[in-house]
């Protein structure tokens, strides 16, 4: 039995009842957080654009696009929802693969669930956990066997095929073909190029989700694929740990709608904002001391949502003035606010040698604001928030984040209904009710 054989056995045999209690709990936490990112992402320009494209080019009545509620093919829904889920860059991640496993798993799971016709809640959650574990292993192997920093869609497509194949009832041979087809057709997107030029492609999660579902449907018709990358794992323990080592427990969650590299500095700015209410006229300069990667983020005025997220100066200024960095800050009209932009022009970035030495194992920054009257306000050293194992978010914090993202779009009552449904999902006879609850209509 090679690595792919072992991976396929895990894909087919991962069951809800066999999962440890802490993994079951984490699955519900991850699902709620992913739904918050997807629902809030539905209001972004890229989500609306892709919803329209799916309606025009992926006609069908198999699955739902959450941005607007349109019905399209399963491939089209995975594409559109995959872009929406990562649109605000506020979804979970796994540091060793430098990417976002959750958003490569949930959109294919939603699409395959609807295409199948129904799926019990416990099976939905078990498949979600399986998808995370497969995505993370695929990402580890992809990065260990390539010198290129690949986007999440490049390895996430393989997890999307695994999820879709399991939900659609594939046998081992068909699943193997699906995994190979997804790997071969996945977007091999160099992530640093997307950071240097922020764009709607983001982490290629939308395209990866589409490829995952398409590869599964191709395999079901007999399409053949390459031998999946699990047979090439340079660390046998990565595959051997499937079913006993659950990396879903080691995810980080994101409290702010922007690149992870900027988040320690945002935490510092928010600490200062909590101590002093600042007006732009009060501030002479702002210095962010951080690891080198942070200093490479743009400090130009953002022209769109994507540029606001892959930026340092803009979210720091927004944090100081608004006390938050969420959808409101990275969408118009706040995106073009003169006060925020004027304050952003006063932000400088300085490489702090101690922080650079600690990176990438640790991500640190601190912020120093010099006022025009000569006073200096200095934050403490901040790490990226909600990072395991030291400081994962509590259930209450994740619920508060979900409400913060979702209530402006769906209202408090429906947000509460979603929270309640997720909490009891393993007892639900059909998970599709969740999709109906999460549609964001115009």
Protein backbone atom coordinates (compact mmCIF):
# COMPACT_ATOMS: atom_id res chain seq x y z
CA UNK A 1 0.00 0.00 0.00
CA UNK A 2 1.52 3.35 -1.05
CA UNK A 3 0.74 6.84 0.23
CA UNK A 4 -2.18 7.38 -2.12
CA UNK A 5 -3.75 4.06 -1.11
CA UNK A 6 -3.54 5.17 2.53
CA UNK A 7 -4.98 8.60 1.76
CA UNK A 8 -7.88 7.06 -0.15
CA UNK A 9 -8.66 4.72 2.72
CA UNK A 10 -8.82 7.72 5.05
CA UNK A 11 -11.01 9.65 2.62
CA UNK A 12 -13.49 6.79 2.40
CA UNK A 13 -13.45 5.65 6.01
CA UNK A 14 -13.28 8.80 8.16
CA UNK A 15 -16.48 8.73 10.22
CA UNK A 16 -18.03 11.15 12.68
CA UNK A 17 -18.27 8.69 15.55
CA UNK A 18 -14.58 7.77 15.24
CA UNK A 19 -13.41 11.37 15.53
CA UNK A 20 -12.06 12.49 18.92
CA UNK A 21 -14.35 14.89 20.79
CA UNK A 22 -11.91 17.77 20.39
CA UNK A 23 -11.86 17.24 16.61
CA UNK A 24 -15.66 17.15 16.50
CA UNK A 25 -15.76 20.44 18.40
CA UNK A 26 -13.16 21.97 16.09
CA UNK A 27 -15.17 20.94 13.03
CA UNK A 28 -18.12 23.00 14.23
CA UNK A 29 -15.84 25.95 15.03
CA UNK A 30 -14.24 25.79 11.60
CA UNK A 31 -17.57 25.49 9.82
CA UNK A 32 -19.02 28.53 11.58
CA UNK A 33 -15.90 30.57 10.86
CA UNK A 34 -15.85 29.54 7.19
CA UNK A 35 -19.52 30.37 6.79
CA UNK A 36 -18.89 33.81 8.26
CA UNK A 37 -16.09 34.44 5.76
CA UNK A 38 -18.22 33.18 2.86
CA UNK A 39 -21.36 35.10 3.77
CA UNK A 40 -19.47 38.35 4.38
CA UNK A 41 -17.42 37.75 1.24
CA UNK A 42 -20.63 37.60 -0.80
CA UNK A 43 -20.86 41.40 -0.67
CA UNK A 44 -17.48 41.99 -2.33
CA UNK A 45 -17.02 43.00 -5.96
CA UNK A 46 -15.27 39.74 -6.85
CA UNK A 47 -18.08 37.64 -5.36
CA UNK A 48 -20.73 39.53 -7.32
CA UNK A 49 -18.67 39.33 -10.52
CA UNK A 50 -18.20 35.57 -10.16
CA UNK A 51 -21.85 35.02 -9.24
CA UNK A 52 -22.84 36.76 -12.48
CA UNK A 53 -20.29 34.75 -14.45
CA UNK A 54 -21.51 31.48 -12.99
CA UNK A 55 -25.09 32.35 -13.95
CA UNK A 56 -24.01 33.20 -17.49
CA UNK A 57 -21.52 30.42 -18.18
CA UNK A 58 -22.29 27.53 -15.79
CA UNK A 59 -26.01 27.08 -16.29
CA UNK A 60 -27.78 24.43 -14.27
CA UNK A 61 -29.93 23.75 -11.26
CA UNK A 62 -27.61 21.64 -9.15
CA UNK A 63 -26.25 24.00 -6.52
CA UNK A 64 -26.57 27.47 -4.98
CA UNK A 65 -24.35 30.52 -5.26
CA UNK A 66 -24.60 32.17 -1.84
CA UNK A 67 -24.04 35.64 -3.31
CA UNK A 68 -27.59 36.21 -4.56
CA UNK A 69 -28.97 32.70 -4.28
CA UNK A 70 -28.77 31.82 -7.98
CA UNK A 71 -28.90 28.18 -9.06
CA UNK A 72 -26.14 26.92 -11.34
CA UNK A 73 -24.15 23.76 -12.01
CA UNK A 74 -22.13 22.22 -9.18
CA UNK A 75 -18.91 23.35 -10.89
CA UNK A 76 -20.20 26.93 -11.19
CA UNK A 77 -21.31 27.07 -7.55
CA UNK A 78 -17.92 25.78 -6.35
CA UNK A 79 -16.20 28.42 -8.48
CA UNK A 80 -18.31 31.36 -7.29
CA UNK A 81 -18.48 30.35 -3.63
CA UNK A 82 -14.76 29.58 -3.63
CA UNK A 83 -13.97 33.15 -4.66
CA UNK A 84 -16.41 34.60 -2.12
CA UNK A 85 -15.03 32.54 0.76
CA UNK A 86 -11.53 34.00 0.43
CA UNK A 87 -12.60 37.44 -0.80
CA UNK A 88 -12.05 39.17 2.55
CA UNK A 89 -8.94 37.17 3.55
CA UNK A 90 -10.55 36.51 6.92
CA UNK A 91 -10.70 32.71 6.68
CA UNK A 92 -8.60 30.19 8.61
CA UNK A 93 -5.08 29.07 7.71
CA UNK A 94 -2.33 26.60 8.51
CA UNK A 95 1.07 28.21 8.87
CA UNK A 96 3.35 25.37 7.63
CA UNK A 97 1.63 25.43 4.22
CA UNK A 98 1.31 29.23 4.17
CA UNK A 99 -2.27 29.02 3.02
CA UNK A 100 -5.97 28.49 3.60
CA UNK A 101 -7.26 24.90 3.68
CA UNK A 102 -10.84 25.58 4.80
CA UNK A 103 -11.93 27.64 1.81
CA UNK A 104 -10.70 24.96 -0.59
CA UNK A 105 -12.92 22.39 1.15
CA UNK A 106 -16.25 24.02 2.04
CA UNK A 107 -17.40 25.25 -1.40
CA UNK A 108 -16.89 21.82 -3.04
CA UNK A 109 -18.61 20.21 -0.05
CA UNK A 110 -21.63 22.50 -0.41
CA UNK A 111 -21.83 21.92 -4.17
CA UNK A 112 -21.49 18.15 -3.92
CA UNK A 113 -24.04 17.98 -1.11
CA UNK A 114 -26.65 19.73 -3.25
CA UNK A 115 -25.79 17.70 -6.33
CA UNK A 116 -26.22 14.49 -4.34
CA UNK A 117 -29.62 15.61 -3.08
CA UNK A 118 -29.14 15.32 0.67
CA UNK A 119 -26.43 14.60 3.23
CA UNK A 120 -26.76 13.89 6.94
CA UNK A 121 -25.22 16.48 9.23
CA UNK A 122 -22.77 14.05 10.84
CA UNK A 123 -21.54 12.94 7.41
CA UNK A 124 -21.20 16.58 6.34
CA UNK A 125 -18.99 17.38 9.34
CA UNK A 126 -16.90 14.21 9.00
CA UNK A 127 -16.30 15.05 5.33
CA UNK A 128 -15.29 18.57 6.29
CA UNK A 129 -12.69 17.21 8.73
CA UNK A 130 -11.41 14.77 6.12
CA UNK A 131 -11.11 17.59 3.62
CA UNK A 132 -9.01 19.69 5.98
CA UNK A 133 -6.66 16.78 6.68
CA UNK A 134 -6.22 15.96 2.99
CA UNK A 135 -5.74 19.63 2.06
CA UNK A 136 -3.06 20.11 4.68
CA UNK A 137 -1.15 16.97 3.65
CA UNK A 138 -1.38 17.98 -0.02
CA UNK A 139 -0.05 21.43 0.85
CA UNK A 140 2.83 20.01 2.86
CA UNK A 141 3.83 17.71 0.01
CA UNK A 142 3.42 20.39 -2.65
CA UNK A 143 5.71 22.79 -0.82
CA UNK A 144 8.24 20.14 0.17
CA UNK A 145 8.65 18.99 -3.44
CA UNK A 146 8.71 22.41 -5.11
CA UNK A 147 10.73 25.58 -4.66
CA UNK A 148 7.74 27.75 -5.58
CA UNK A 149 5.44 29.22 -2.92
CA UNK A 150 2.18 27.84 -4.30
CA UNK A 151 -1.23 29.37 -3.75
CA UNK A 152 -3.89 27.52 -1.78
CA UNK A 153 -5.81 26.47 -4.87
CA UNK A 154 -2.82 24.53 -6.18
CA UNK A 155 -3.09 21.90 -3.44
CA UNK A 156 -6.62 22.68 -2.29
CA UNK A 157 -8.05 21.40 -5.59
CA UNK A 158 -6.98 17.91 -4.54
CA UNK A 159 -8.93 18.21 -1.31
CA UNK A 160 -11.92 19.52 -3.24
CA UNK A 161 -11.87 16.39 -5.39
CA UNK A 162 -11.60 14.21 -2.28
CA UNK A 163 -14.59 15.90 -0.68
CA UNK A 164 -16.74 15.79 -3.83
CA UNK A 165 -15.78 12.20 -4.57
CA UNK A 166 -16.69 11.00 -1.11
CA UNK A 167 -20.04 12.80 -1.06
CA UNK A 168 -20.91 11.47 -4.51
CA UNK A 169 -20.18 7.89 -3.46
CA UNK A 170 -17.03 7.11 -5.42
CA UNK A 171 -15.18 3.84 -5.02
CA UNK A 172 -11.41 3.80 -4.48
CA UNK A 173 -10.49 3.55 -8.16
CA UNK A 174 -12.70 6.45 -9.21
CA UNK A 175 -11.48 8.54 -6.32
CA UNK A 176 -7.88 7.92 -7.33
CA UNK A 177 -8.63 9.19 -10.82
CA UNK A 178 -10.34 12.27 -9.37
CA UNK A 179 -7.40 13.10 -7.11
CA UNK A 180 -4.96 12.73 -9.99
CA UNK A 181 -7.06 14.82 -12.37
CA UNK A 182 -7.40 17.57 -9.76
CA UNK A 183 -3.69 17.64 -9.07
CA UNK A 184 -2.84 17.82 -12.76
CA UNK A 185 -5.33 20.58 -13.58
CA UNK A 186 -4.97 22.61 -10.38
CA UNK A 187 -3.93 26.27 -10.66
CA UNK A 188 -0.16 26.25 -10.15
CA UNK A 189 -0.17 29.90 -9.14
CA UNK A 190 2.98 31.54 -7.70
CA UNK A 191 1.66 33.19 -4.56
CA UNK A 192 4.29 35.93 -4.29
CA UNK A 193 3.30 37.30 -7.69
CA UNK A 194 -0.24 37.73 -6.42
CA UNK A 195 1.04 39.54 -3.35
CA UNK A 196 3.26 41.84 -5.40
CA UNK A 197 0.29 42.70 -7.63
CA UNK A 198 -2.89 42.30 -5.55
CA UNK A 199 -5.76 41.11 -7.69
CA UNK A 200 -9.04 39.23 -7.59
CA UNK A 201 -7.27 35.91 -8.11
CA UNK A 202 -6.13 36.13 -4.49
CA UNK A 203 -5.07 32.66 -3.31
CA UNK A 204 -6.63 30.94 -6.36
CA UNK A 205 -9.13 29.28 -4.04
CA UNK A 206 -12.08 29.79 -6.37
CA UNK A 207 -10.33 28.15 -9.28
CA UNK A 208 -9.08 25.36 -7.03
CA UNK A 209 -12.61 24.65 -5.81
CA UNK A 210 -13.88 24.54 -9.38
CA UNK A 211 -11.10 22.18 -10.45
CA UNK A 212 -11.79 19.88 -7.50
CA UNK A 213 -15.46 19.44 -8.38
CA UNK A 214 -14.79 19.26 -12.12
CA UNK A 215 -12.12 16.61 -11.60
CA UNK A 216 -14.53 14.50 -9.56
CA UNK A 217 -17.24 14.71 -12.22
CA UNK A 218 -14.68 13.93 -14.94
CA UNK A 219 -13.45 10.88 -13.04
CA UNK A 220 -17.00 9.64 -12.62
CA UNK A 221 -17.21 9.51 -16.43
CA UNK A 222 -13.95 7.58 -16.72
CA UNK A 223 -11.38 10.36 -17.05
CA UNK A 224 -7.93 9.16 -16.01
CA UNK A 225 -5.45 11.14 -13.95
CA UNK A 226 -1.85 11.09 -12.83
CA UNK A 227 -0.73 9.17 -9.76
CA UNK A 228 -1.69 11.55 -6.92
CA UNK A 229 1.05 13.31 -5.01
CA UNK A 230 0.41 11.39 -1.77
CA UNK A 231 2.59 8.63 -3.23
CA UNK A 232 5.47 11.14 -3.34
CA UNK A 233 5.37 12.30 0.28
CA UNK A 234 8.94 13.01 1.48
CA UNK A 235 7.70 12.53 5.05
CA UNK A 236 5.89 9.20 5.43
CA UNK A 237 4.56 10.38 8.81
CA UNK A 238 2.36 12.95 7.07
CA UNK A 239 0.32 10.18 5.46
CA UNK A 240 0.71 7.66 8.27
CA UNK A 241 -0.81 10.21 10.64
CA UNK A 242 -4.11 10.39 8.77
CA UNK A 243 -6.80 9.28 11.16
CA UNK A 244 -4.65 9.68 14.26
CA UNK A 245 -2.96 13.09 13.96
CA UNK A 246 -5.54 15.79 13.27
CA UNK A 247 -3.93 18.94 11.94
CA UNK A 248 -7.31 20.68 11.94
CA UNK A 249 -6.52 21.33 15.61
CA UNK A 250 -3.50 23.43 14.60
CA UNK A 251 -5.23 26.01 12.42
CA UNK A 252 -5.01 29.72 13.03
CA UNK A 253 -8.07 31.93 12.78
CA UNK A 254 -8.08 35.54 11.59
CA UNK A 255 -9.75 38.43 13.40
CA UNK A 256 -9.00 41.03 10.70
CA UNK A 257 -9.78 41.23 6.98
CA UNK A 258 -6.27 41.46 5.61
CA UNK A 259 -3.02 39.62 4.96
CA UNK A 260 -1.67 37.65 7.92
CA UNK A 261 1.65 39.51 7.71
CA UNK A 262 -0.06 42.78 8.66
CA UNK A 263 -2.06 41.36 11.55
CA UNK A 264 0.51 41.71 14.38
CA UNK A 265 0.88 45.39 13.49
CA UNK A 266 -2.90 45.82 13.41
CA UNK A 267 -3.07 44.30 16.90
CA UNK A 268 -0.57 46.91 18.05
CA UNK A 269 -2.53 49.73 16.42
CA UNK A 270 -5.74 48.50 18.06
CA UNK A 271 -4.06 48.47 21.46
CA UNK A 272 -3.11 52.13 20.99
CA UNK A 273 -6.59 52.98 19.69
CA UNK A 274 -8.03 51.47 22.83
CA UNK A 275 -5.90 53.77 24.99
CA UNK A 276 -6.28 57.02 23.06
CA UNK A 277 -8.93 58.32 20.69
CA UNK A 278 -6.89 59.82 17.87
CA UNK A 279 -7.79 62.28 15.14
CA UNK A 280 -5.64 62.40 11.99
CA UNK A 281 -4.52 65.91 12.87
CA UNK A 282 -3.07 64.63 16.16
CA UNK A 283 -0.62 62.21 14.53
CA UNK A 284 2.83 63.17 13.26
CA UNK A 285 4.10 59.70 12.37
CA UNK A 286 3.43 55.98 12.76
CA UNK A 287 6.14 53.36 12.78
CA UNK A 288 5.50 49.64 12.50
CA UNK A 289 8.42 47.50 13.70
CA UNK A 290 8.04 44.00 12.22
CA UNK A 291 9.65 41.09 10.38
CA UNK A 292 10.84 41.80 6.85
CA UNK A 293 7.90 40.23 5.01
CA UNK A 294 5.57 42.74 6.66
CA UNK A 295 7.64 45.64 5.34
CA UNK A 296 7.25 44.38 1.76
CA UNK A 297 3.47 44.93 1.84
CA UNK A 298 2.29 47.91 -0.17
CA UNK A 299 1.93 51.31 1.49
CA UNK A 300 0.26 52.97 -1.50
CA UNK A 301 -3.36 54.11 -1.42
CA UNK A 302 -5.47 51.06 -2.24
CA UNK A 303 -7.63 51.27 -5.34
CA UNK A 304 -9.80 48.28 -4.53
CA UNK A 305 -10.62 45.67 -1.90
CA UNK A 306 -7.74 43.39 -2.81
CA UNK A 307 -5.15 46.16 -2.62
CA UNK A 308 -6.52 47.16 0.80
CA UNK A 309 -5.96 43.63 2.10
CA UNK A 310 -2.39 43.22 0.80
CA UNK A 311 -1.36 46.52 2.32
CA UNK A 312 0.29 47.66 5.53
CA UNK A 313 -0.36 51.39 5.84
CA UNK A 314 -4.08 51.33 5.07
CA UNK A 315 -5.19 48.72 7.65
CA UNK A 316 -2.95 50.25 10.31
CA UNK A 317 -4.56 53.65 9.75
CA UNK A 318 -8.06 52.14 9.66
CA UNK A 319 -7.39 50.30 12.93
CA UNK A 320 -6.26 53.50 14.65
CA UNK A 321 -9.33 55.45 13.51
CA UNK A 322 -12.07 52.79 13.47
CA UNK A 323 -10.92 50.34 16.11
CA UNK A 324 -11.48 47.43 13.70
CA UNK A 325 -10.39 46.07 10.32
CA UNK A 326 -13.28 44.21 8.75
CA UNK A 327 -15.50 44.30 5.68
CA UNK A 328 -16.47 47.95 6.22
CA UNK A 329 -12.84 49.03 6.13
CA UNK A 330 -11.85 47.17 2.94
CA UNK A 331 -14.96 48.03 0.93
CA UNK A 332 -16.15 51.36 -0.48
CA UNK A 333 -16.85 54.00 0.63
CA UNK A 334 -14.50 53.71 3.65
CA UNK A 335 -11.80 52.42 1.34
CA UNK A 336 -11.44 55.90 -0.14
CA UNK A 337 -11.93 57.98 3.03
CA UNK A 338 -9.63 61.01 3.04
CA UNK A 339 -8.86 60.84 6.77
CA UNK A 340 -7.85 57.18 6.64
CA UNK A 341 -5.68 57.76 3.57
CA UNK A 342 -4.03 60.82 5.09
CA UNK A 343 -3.14 58.84 8.19
CA UNK A 344 -1.89 55.95 6.06
CA UNK A 345 0.59 58.32 4.42
CA UNK A 346 2.30 58.71 7.82
CA UNK A 347 3.01 55.00 8.27
CA UNK A 348 6.60 53.78 8.06
CA UNK A 349 7.77 50.17 8.24
CA UNK A 350 11.00 49.17 10.02
CA UNK A 351 12.56 45.71 10.12
CA UNK A 352 13.10 44.70 13.74
CA UNK A 353 16.00 42.19 13.82
CA UNK A 354 14.61 40.18 16.73
CA UNK A 355 11.25 39.82 15.00
CA UNK A 356 12.92 38.79 11.73
CA UNK A 357 14.91 36.13 13.58
CA UNK A 358 11.73 34.70 15.08
CA UNK A 359 9.88 34.54 11.74
CA UNK A 360 8.25 32.37 10.35
CA UNK A 361 7.80 30.32 13.52
CA UNK A 362 6.54 33.48 15.23
CA UNK A 363 5.11 36.66 13.70
CA UNK A 364 5.73 39.74 15.85
CA UNK A 365 5.34 43.50 15.53
CA UNK A 366 4.91 46.61 17.63
CA UNK A 367 3.64 50.06 16.73
CA UNK A 368 4.90 53.50 17.75
CA UNK A 369 2.69 56.56 17.19
CA UNK A 370 4.31 59.98 17.61
CA UNK A 371 1.84 62.80 18.21
CA UNK A 372 2.31 66.37 17.08
CA UNK A 373 2.65 67.51 20.69
CA UNK A 374 5.71 65.25 21.05
CA UNK A 375 4.14 62.37 23.01
CA UNK A 376 4.81 58.82 21.90
CA UNK A 377 2.33 55.98 22.19
CA UNK A 378 3.95 52.55 21.95
CA UNK A 379 2.14 49.22 21.85
CA UNK A 380 3.50 46.09 23.39
CA UNK A 381 5.00 43.37 21.23
CA UNK A 382 2.15 41.68 19.40
CA UNK A 383 1.93 38.32 17.72
CA UNK A 384 -0.59 37.25 15.14
CA UNK A 385 -3.81 36.78 17.08
CA UNK A 386 -5.64 33.46 17.47
CA UNK A 387 -2.57 31.39 16.67
CA UNK A 388 -2.24 27.89 18.15
CA UNK A 389 -1.13 26.41 20.39
CA UNK A 390 -0.82 29.33 22.80
CA UNK A 391 -3.82 31.49 21.98
CA UNK A 392 -6.61 29.92 19.92
CA UNK A 393 -9.90 31.83 19.98
CA UNK A 394 -12.60 30.73 22.38
CA UNK A 395 -15.96 29.54 21.10
CA UNK A 396 -17.43 32.84 22.28
CA UNK A 397 -14.83 34.84 20.33
CA UNK A 398 -15.52 32.90 17.12
CA UNK A 399 -19.25 33.37 17.60
CA UNK A 400 -18.74 37.11 18.12
CA UNK A 401 -16.64 37.27 14.95
CA UNK A 402 -19.38 35.43 13.04
CA UNK A 403 -22.04 37.86 14.23
CA UNK A 404 -19.80 40.84 13.41
CA UNK A 405 -19.42 39.58 9.84
CA UNK A 406 -22.92 38.25 9.20
CA UNK A 407 -25.46 40.36 11.08
CA UNK A 408 -25.06 43.43 8.80
CA UNK A 409 -26.11 41.22 5.88
CA UNK A 410 -28.55 38.68 7.30
CA UNK A 411 -29.69 40.24 10.58
CA UNK A 412 -29.31 39.05 14.15
CA UNK A 413 -32.12 36.49 14.04
CA UNK A 414 -30.81 34.58 11.01
CA UNK A 415 -27.22 34.78 12.27
CA UNK A 416 -28.42 33.21 15.50
CA UNK A 417 -30.30 30.53 13.59
CA UNK A 418 -27.15 29.59 11.68
CA UNK A 419 -25.15 29.42 14.91
CA UNK A 420 -27.75 27.14 16.44
CA UNK A 421 -27.94 24.89 13.37
CA UNK A 422 -24.16 24.46 13.23
CA UNK A 423 -24.03 23.66 16.94
CA UNK A 424 -26.45 20.75 16.44
CA UNK A 425 -25.51 19.81 12.90
CA UNK A 426 -24.39 16.26 13.68
CA UNK A 427 -27.99 15.50 14.64
CA UNK A 428 -29.53 16.96 11.46
CA UNK A 429 -30.95 14.59 8.88
CA UNK A 430 -30.03 16.88 5.99
CA UNK A 431 -27.30 19.53 5.97
CA UNK A 432 -28.80 21.40 3.02
CA UNK A 433 -30.86 23.58 5.35
CA UNK A 434 -27.57 25.31 6.16
CA UNK A 435 -27.22 26.48 2.57
CA UNK A 436 -30.70 28.01 2.56
CA UNK A 437 -29.91 29.90 5.76
CA UNK A 438 -26.68 31.37 4.37
CA UNK A 439 -27.88 32.85 1.07
CA UNK A 440 -27.21 36.60 0.81
CA UNK A 441 -29.91 38.10 -1.36
CA UNK A 442 -29.69 41.49 -3.03
